[in-house]
Amino acid sequence: MSNDLQRLAAQLGAVLEARGWRLAAAESCTGGWIAKCITDIPGSSGWLERGFVTYSNEAKQEMLGVAAETLAAEGAVSEAVVREMALGAVARSRAEIAVAVSGVAGPGGGTPAKPVGMVCFGFAFPDRVETETCYLDGNRDEVRRASVRHALGGLITRCDATADTPADAC
């Protein structure tokens, strides 16, 4: 794991521990990389409740309760889908918060409407759900790594208004 991801995962752990919150991660294009970064941190079992790797649309529906209608209307890479993924991760776990990620990491699979590097994020908290879309540069590995970095930073920023590590801008 790179130093920046390790630092972010450790910082997220400290923020979650201070709040007494547990996290669930619902990952598509990152393939479990968020959960991997977190579980590399000793003691993370105190704040990572579980992870869902839902790469296929069927897995998103079966494991997270994403509606088939949402997938058909919006596609897997959409803010509507990551909203449902994040809410489903909270509902199907004992976590207080969740992050969800779905994107086009490349090298193929992009379209003019959803180009390679387009990644959608969902953040579910006890009092709100936020979504956003980023357009990230690089090859497959770079897009996925930037997605993990953005997810971890986004959680820190949203959990702790005093955090000195803002999420990477989209």
C-alpha atoms as a PDB file:
ATOM      1  CA  MET A   1       0.000   0.000   0.000  1.00  0.00           C
ATOM      2  CA  SER A   2       1.290   3.454  -0.788  1.00  0.00           C
ATOM      3  CA  ASN A   3       2.125   5.869   2.009  1.00  0.00           C
ATOM      4  CA  ASP A   4      -0.703   8.260   1.100  1.00  0.00           C
ATOM      5  CA  LEU A   5      -3.341   5.532   1.222  1.00  0.00           C
ATOM      6  CA  GLN A   6      -1.916   4.152   4.464  1.00  0.00           C
ATOM      7  CA  ARG A   7      -1.935   7.621   6.021  1.00  0.00           C
ATOM      8  CA  LEU A   8      -5.528   8.260   4.906  1.00  0.00           C
ATOM      9  CA  ALA A   9      -6.747   4.875   6.153  1.00  0.00           C
ATOM     10  CA  ALA A  10      -5.108   5.443   9.551  1.00  0.00           C
ATOM     11  CA  GLN A  11      -6.545   8.953   9.770  1.00  0.00           C
ATOM     12  CA  LEU A  12     -10.009   7.652   8.875  1.00  0.00           C
ATOM     13  CA  GLY A  13      -9.681   5.020  11.575  1.00  0.00           C
ATOM     14  CA  ALA A  14      -8.873   7.650  14.192  1.00  0.00           C
ATOM     15  CA  VAL A  15     -11.868   9.754  13.137  1.00  0.00           C
ATOM     16  CA  LEU A  16     -14.254   6.787  13.180  1.00  0.00           C
ATOM     17  CA  GLU A  17     -12.940   5.538  16.533  1.00  0.00           C
ATOM     18  CA  ALA A  18     -13.411   9.000  18.045  1.00  0.00           C
ATOM     19  CA  ARG A  19     -17.058   8.982  16.904  1.00  0.00           C
ATOM     20  CA  GLY A  20     -17.657   5.350  17.834  1.00  0.00           C
ATOM     21  CA  TRP A  21     -18.743   4.641  14.249  1.00  0.00           C
ATOM     22  CA  ARG A  22     -18.221   1.621  12.057  1.00  0.00           C
ATOM     23  CA  LEU A  23     -17.855   1.695   8.281  1.00  0.00           C
ATOM     24  CA  ALA A  24     -19.180  -0.491   5.490  1.00  0.00           C
ATOM     25  CA  ALA A  25     -17.632  -0.260   2.035  1.00  0.00           C
ATOM     26  CA  ALA A  26     -19.603  -1.081  -1.125  1.00  0.00           C
ATOM     27  CA  GLU A  27     -17.095  -1.360  -3.947  1.00  0.00           C
ATOM     28  CA  SER A  28     -17.389  -1.986  -7.652  1.00  0.00           C
ATOM     29  CA  CYS A  29     -14.489  -0.646  -9.743  1.00  0.00           C
ATOM     30  CA  THR A  30     -12.135  -0.582  -6.730  1.00  0.00           C
ATOM     31  CA  GLY A  31     -12.640  -4.318  -6.213  1.00  0.00           C
ATOM     32  CA  GLY A  32     -12.138  -4.312  -2.446  1.00  0.00           C
ATOM     33  CA  TRP A  33      -9.130  -1.959  -2.473  1.00  0.00           C
ATOM     34  CA  ILE A  34     -10.780   0.394   0.062  1.00  0.00           C
ATOM     35  CA  ALA A  35     -11.321  -2.480   2.489  1.00  0.00           C
ATOM     36  CA  LYS A  36      -7.779  -3.733   1.840  1.00  0.00           C
ATOM     37  CA  CYS A  37      -6.269  -0.349   2.721  1.00  0.00           C
ATOM     38  CA  ILE A  38      -8.317  -0.198   5.885  1.00  0.00           C
ATOM     39  CA  THR A  39      -7.525  -3.753   6.997  1.00  0.00           C
ATOM     40  CA  ASP A  40      -3.815  -3.038   6.566  1.00  0.00           C
ATOM     41  CA  ILE A  41      -4.168  -0.780   9.622  1.00  0.00           C
ATOM     42  CA  PRO A  42      -3.752  -2.644  12.938  1.00  0.00           C
ATOM     43  CA  GLY A  43      -6.929  -2.401  15.005  1.00  0.00           C
ATOM     44  CA  SER A  44      -9.166  -1.706  12.016  1.00  0.00           C
ATOM     45  CA  SER A  45     -11.553  -4.438  13.153  1.00  0.00           C
ATOM     46  CA  GLY A  46     -12.771  -1.862  15.655  1.00  0.00           C
ATOM     47  CA  TRP A  47     -14.123   0.383  12.923  1.00  0.00           C
ATOM     48  CA  LEU A  48     -14.465  -1.549   9.661  1.00  0.00           C
ATOM     49  CA  GLU A  49     -17.704  -3.497   9.937  1.00  0.00           C
ATOM     50  CA  ARG A  50     -17.683  -5.148   6.491  1.00  0.00           C
ATOM     51  CA  GLY A  51     -17.068  -4.745   2.811  1.00  0.00           C
ATOM     52  CA  PHE A  52     -19.110  -5.671  -0.234  1.00  0.00           C
ATOM     53  CA  VAL A  53     -17.438  -6.214  -3.600  1.00  0.00           C
ATOM     54  CA  THR A  54     -20.322  -5.915  -6.024  1.00  0.00           C
ATOM     55  CA  TYR A  55     -18.753  -5.826  -9.455  1.00  0.00           C
ATOM     56  CA  SER A  56     -21.746  -7.157 -11.393  1.00  0.00           C
ATOM     57  CA  ASN A  57     -25.178  -5.585 -11.560  1.00  0.00           C
ATOM     58  CA  GLU A  58     -26.615  -8.805 -10.124  1.00  0.00           C
ATOM     59  CA  ALA A  59     -24.333  -8.523  -7.087  1.00  0.00           C
ATOM     60  CA  LYS A  60     -25.395  -4.895  -6.583  1.00  0.00           C
ATOM     61  CA  GLN A  61     -29.019  -6.017  -6.586  1.00  0.00           C
ATOM     62  CA  GLU A  62     -28.617  -9.181  -4.490  1.00  0.00           C
ATOM     63  CA  MET A  63     -26.123  -7.947  -1.898  1.00  0.00           C
ATOM     64  CA  LEU A  64     -27.037  -4.250  -1.610  1.00  0.00           C
ATOM     65  CA  GLY A  65     -30.642  -4.031  -2.786  1.00  0.00           C
ATOM     66  CA  VAL A  66     -29.954  -1.749  -5.749  1.00  0.00           C
ATOM     67  CA  ALA A  67     -33.147  -1.606  -7.775  1.00  0.00           C
ATOM     68  CA  ALA A  68     -33.100  -3.203 -11.221  1.00  0.00           C
ATOM     69  CA  GLU A  69     -35.038  -0.175 -12.432  1.00  0.00           C
ATOM     70  CA  THR A  70     -32.297   2.184 -11.256  1.00  0.00           C
ATOM     71  CA  LEU A  71     -29.633   0.135 -13.002  1.00  0.00           C
ATOM     72  CA  ALA A  72     -31.684  -0.001 -16.200  1.00  0.00           C
ATOM     73  CA  ALA A  73     -32.471   3.712 -16.200  1.00  0.00           C
ATOM     74  CA  GLU A  74     -29.158   5.143 -14.976  1.00  0.00           C
ATOM     75  CA  GLY A  75     -26.526   2.453 -15.496  1.00  0.00           C
ATOM     76  CA  ALA A  76     -24.158   1.050 -12.891  1.00  0.00           C
ATOM     77  CA  VAL A  77     -21.888   4.081 -13.093  1.00  0.00           C
ATOM     78  CA  SER A  78     -24.258   6.727 -11.775  1.00  0.00           C
ATOM     79  CA  GLU A  79     -24.929   8.741  -8.664  1.00  0.00           C
ATOM     80  CA  ALA A  80     -28.343   7.080  -8.360  1.00  0.00           C
ATOM     81  CA  VAL A  81     -26.724   3.647  -8.136  1.00  0.00           C
ATOM     82  CA  VAL A  82     -24.003   4.616  -5.646  1.00  0.00           C
ATOM     83  CA  ARG A  83     -26.684   6.248  -3.501  1.00  0.00           C
ATOM     84  CA  GLU A  84     -28.549   2.931  -3.377  1.00  0.00           C
ATOM     85  CA  MET A  85     -25.301   1.008  -2.858  1.00  0.00           C
ATOM     86  CA  ALA A  86     -24.319   3.171   0.132  1.00  0.00           C
ATOM     87  CA  LEU A  87     -27.783   2.958   1.686  1.00  0.00           C
ATOM     88  CA  GLY A  88     -27.858  -0.793   1.070  1.00  0.00           C
ATOM     89  CA  ALA A  89     -24.463  -1.242   2.730  1.00  0.00           C
ATOM     90  CA  VAL A  90     -25.701   0.488   5.877  1.00  0.00           C
ATOM     91  CA  ALA A  91     -28.982  -1.440   5.841  1.00  0.00           C
ATOM     92  CA  ARG A  92     -27.228  -4.793   5.395  1.00  0.00           C
ATOM     93  CA  SER A  93     -24.561  -4.259   8.042  1.00  0.00           C
ATOM     94  CA  ARG A  94     -24.082  -3.005  11.564  1.00  0.00           C
ATOM     95  CA  ALA A  95     -22.237   0.079  10.293  1.00  0.00           C
ATOM     96  CA  GLU A  96     -23.296   3.623  10.950  1.00  0.00           C
ATOM     97  CA  ILE A  97     -21.775   4.934   7.722  1.00  0.00           C
ATOM     98  CA  ALA A  98     -20.893   3.619   4.284  1.00  0.00           C
ATOM     99  CA  VAL A  99     -18.976   4.545   1.185  1.00  0.00           C
ATOM    100  CA  ALA A 100     -19.890   3.261  -2.274  1.00  0.00           C
ATOM    101  CA  VAL A 101     -17.861   3.449  -5.488  1.00  0.00           C
ATOM    102  CA  SER A 102     -18.722   2.581  -9.085  1.00  0.00           C
ATOM    103  CA  GLY A 103     -16.830   3.721 -12.144  1.00  0.00           C
ATOM    104  CA  VAL A 104     -15.210   3.128 -15.498  1.00  0.00           C
ATOM    105  CA  ALA A 105     -11.567   2.347 -14.728  1.00  0.00           C
ATOM    106  CA  GLY A 106     -10.626   1.389 -18.280  1.00  0.00           C
ATOM    107  CA  PRO A 107      -8.868   0.796 -20.457  1.00  0.00           C
ATOM    108  CA  GLY A 108     -12.112  -0.069 -22.265  1.00  0.00           C
ATOM    109  CA  GLY A 109     -15.748   0.297 -21.356  1.00  0.00           C
ATOM    110  CA  GLY A 110     -16.003   4.035 -21.689  1.00  0.00           C
ATOM    111  CA  THR A 111     -18.601   5.853 -23.757  1.00  0.00           C
ATOM    112  CA  PRO A 112     -18.977   9.523 -24.677  1.00  0.00           C
ATOM    113  CA  ALA A 113     -21.519   9.883 -21.849  1.00  0.00           C
ATOM    114  CA  LYS A 114     -19.475   7.827 -19.369  1.00  0.00           C
ATOM    115  CA  PRO A 115     -15.805   8.047 -20.318  1.00  0.00           C
ATOM    116  CA  VAL A 116     -12.934   6.086 -18.845  1.00  0.00           C
ATOM    117  CA  GLY A 117     -12.065   7.765 -15.556  1.00  0.00           C
ATOM    118  CA  MET A 118     -15.661   8.602 -14.604  1.00  0.00           C
ATOM    119  CA  VAL A 119     -16.196   7.407 -11.034  1.00  0.00           C
ATOM    120  CA  CYS A 120     -19.264   7.944  -8.848  1.00  0.00           C
ATOM    121  CA  PHE A 121     -19.103   8.012  -5.054  1.00  0.00           C
ATOM    122  CA  GLY A 122     -21.835   7.665  -2.447  1.00  0.00           C
ATOM    123  CA  PHE A 123     -21.440   8.503   1.232  1.00  0.00           C
ATOM    124  CA  ALA A 124     -24.222   7.427   3.609  1.00  0.00           C
ATOM    125  CA  PHE A 125     -24.279   8.922   7.098  1.00  0.00           C
ATOM    126  CA  PRO A 126     -26.836   8.747   9.909  1.00  0.00           C
ATOM    127  CA  ASP A 127     -28.373  12.053   8.816  1.00  0.00           C
ATOM    128  CA  ARG A 128     -27.707  12.265   5.065  1.00  0.00           C
ATOM    129  CA  VAL A 129     -26.532  10.681   1.840  1.00  0.00           C
ATOM    130  CA  GLU A 130     -24.172  12.547  -0.467  1.00  0.00           C
ATOM    131  CA  THR A 131     -23.087  11.613  -3.959  1.00  0.00           C
ATOM    132  CA  GLU A 132     -20.580  13.003  -6.392  1.00  0.00           C
ATOM    133  CA  THR A 133     -18.954  12.188  -9.699  1.00  0.00           C
ATOM    134  CA  CYS A 134     -15.266  12.600 -10.468  1.00  0.00           C
ATOM    135  CA  TYR A 135     -13.408  12.410 -13.756  1.00  0.00           C
ATOM    136  CA  LEU A 136     -10.018  10.920 -12.975  1.00  0.00           C
ATOM    137  CA  ASP A 137      -6.993  10.715 -15.231  1.00  0.00           C
ATOM    138  CA  GLY A 138      -4.643   7.841 -15.801  1.00  0.00           C
ATOM    139  CA  ASN A 139      -4.510   4.180 -16.629  1.00  0.00           C
ATOM    140  CA  ARG A 140      -6.673   1.546 -14.921  1.00  0.00           C
ATOM    141  CA  ASP A 141      -4.468   1.279 -11.853  1.00  0.00           C
ATOM    142  CA  GLU A 142      -4.165   5.065 -11.503  1.00  0.00           C
ATOM    143  CA  VAL A 143      -7.936   5.588 -11.784  1.00  0.00           C
ATOM    144  CA  ARG A 144      -8.608   2.896  -9.202  1.00  0.00           C
ATOM    145  CA  ARG A 145      -5.926   4.222  -6.818  1.00  0.00           C
ATOM    146  CA  ALA A 146      -7.267   7.778  -7.161  1.00  0.00           C
ATOM    147  CA  SER A 147     -10.762   6.427  -6.476  1.00  0.00           C
ATOM    148  CA  VAL A 148      -9.612   4.788  -3.239  1.00  0.00           C
ATOM    149  CA  ARG A 149      -7.793   7.986  -2.223  1.00  0.00           C
ATOM    150  CA  HIS A 150     -10.881  10.079  -2.948  1.00  0.00           C
ATOM    151  CA  ALA A 151     -13.173   7.707  -1.050  1.00  0.00           C
ATOM    152  CA  LEU A 152     -10.957   7.687   2.059  1.00  0.00           C
ATOM    153  CA  GLY A 153     -10.414  11.449   1.943  1.00  0.00           C
ATOM    154  CA  GLY A 154     -14.108  12.049   1.346  1.00  0.00           C
ATOM    155  CA  LEU A 155     -15.021  10.027   4.405  1.00  0.00           C
ATOM    156  CA  ILE A 156     -12.510  11.889   6.562  1.00  0.00           C
ATOM    157  CA  THR A 157     -13.700  15.288   5.362  1.00  0.00           C
ATOM    158  CA  ARG A 158     -17.348  14.409   5.864  1.00  0.00           C
ATOM    159  CA  CYS A 159     -16.824  12.803   9.299  1.00  0.00           C
ATOM    160  CA  ASP A 160     -14.536  15.439  10.745  1.00  0.00           C
ATOM    161  CA  ALA A 161     -14.978  19.077   9.822  1.00  0.00           C
ATOM    162  CA  THR A 162     -11.639  19.809  11.512  1.00  0.00           C
ATOM    163  CA  ALA A 163      -9.735  17.326   9.312  1.00  0.00           C
ATOM    164  CA  ASP A 164      -6.561  18.705   7.805  1.00  0.00           C
ATOM    165  CA  THR A 165      -6.824  16.355   4.828  1.00  0.00           C
ATOM    166  CA  PRO A 166      -9.523  17.497   2.447  1.00  0.00           C
ATOM    167  CA  ALA A 167     -10.804  15.051  -0.143  1.00  0.00           C
ATOM    168  CA  ASP A 168      -9.136  15.316  -3.508  1.00  0.00           C
ATOM    169  CA  ALA A 169     -11.112  17.605  -5.752  1.00  0.00           C
ATOM    170  CA  CYS A 170     -12.890  15.940  -8.623  1.00  0.00           C
END
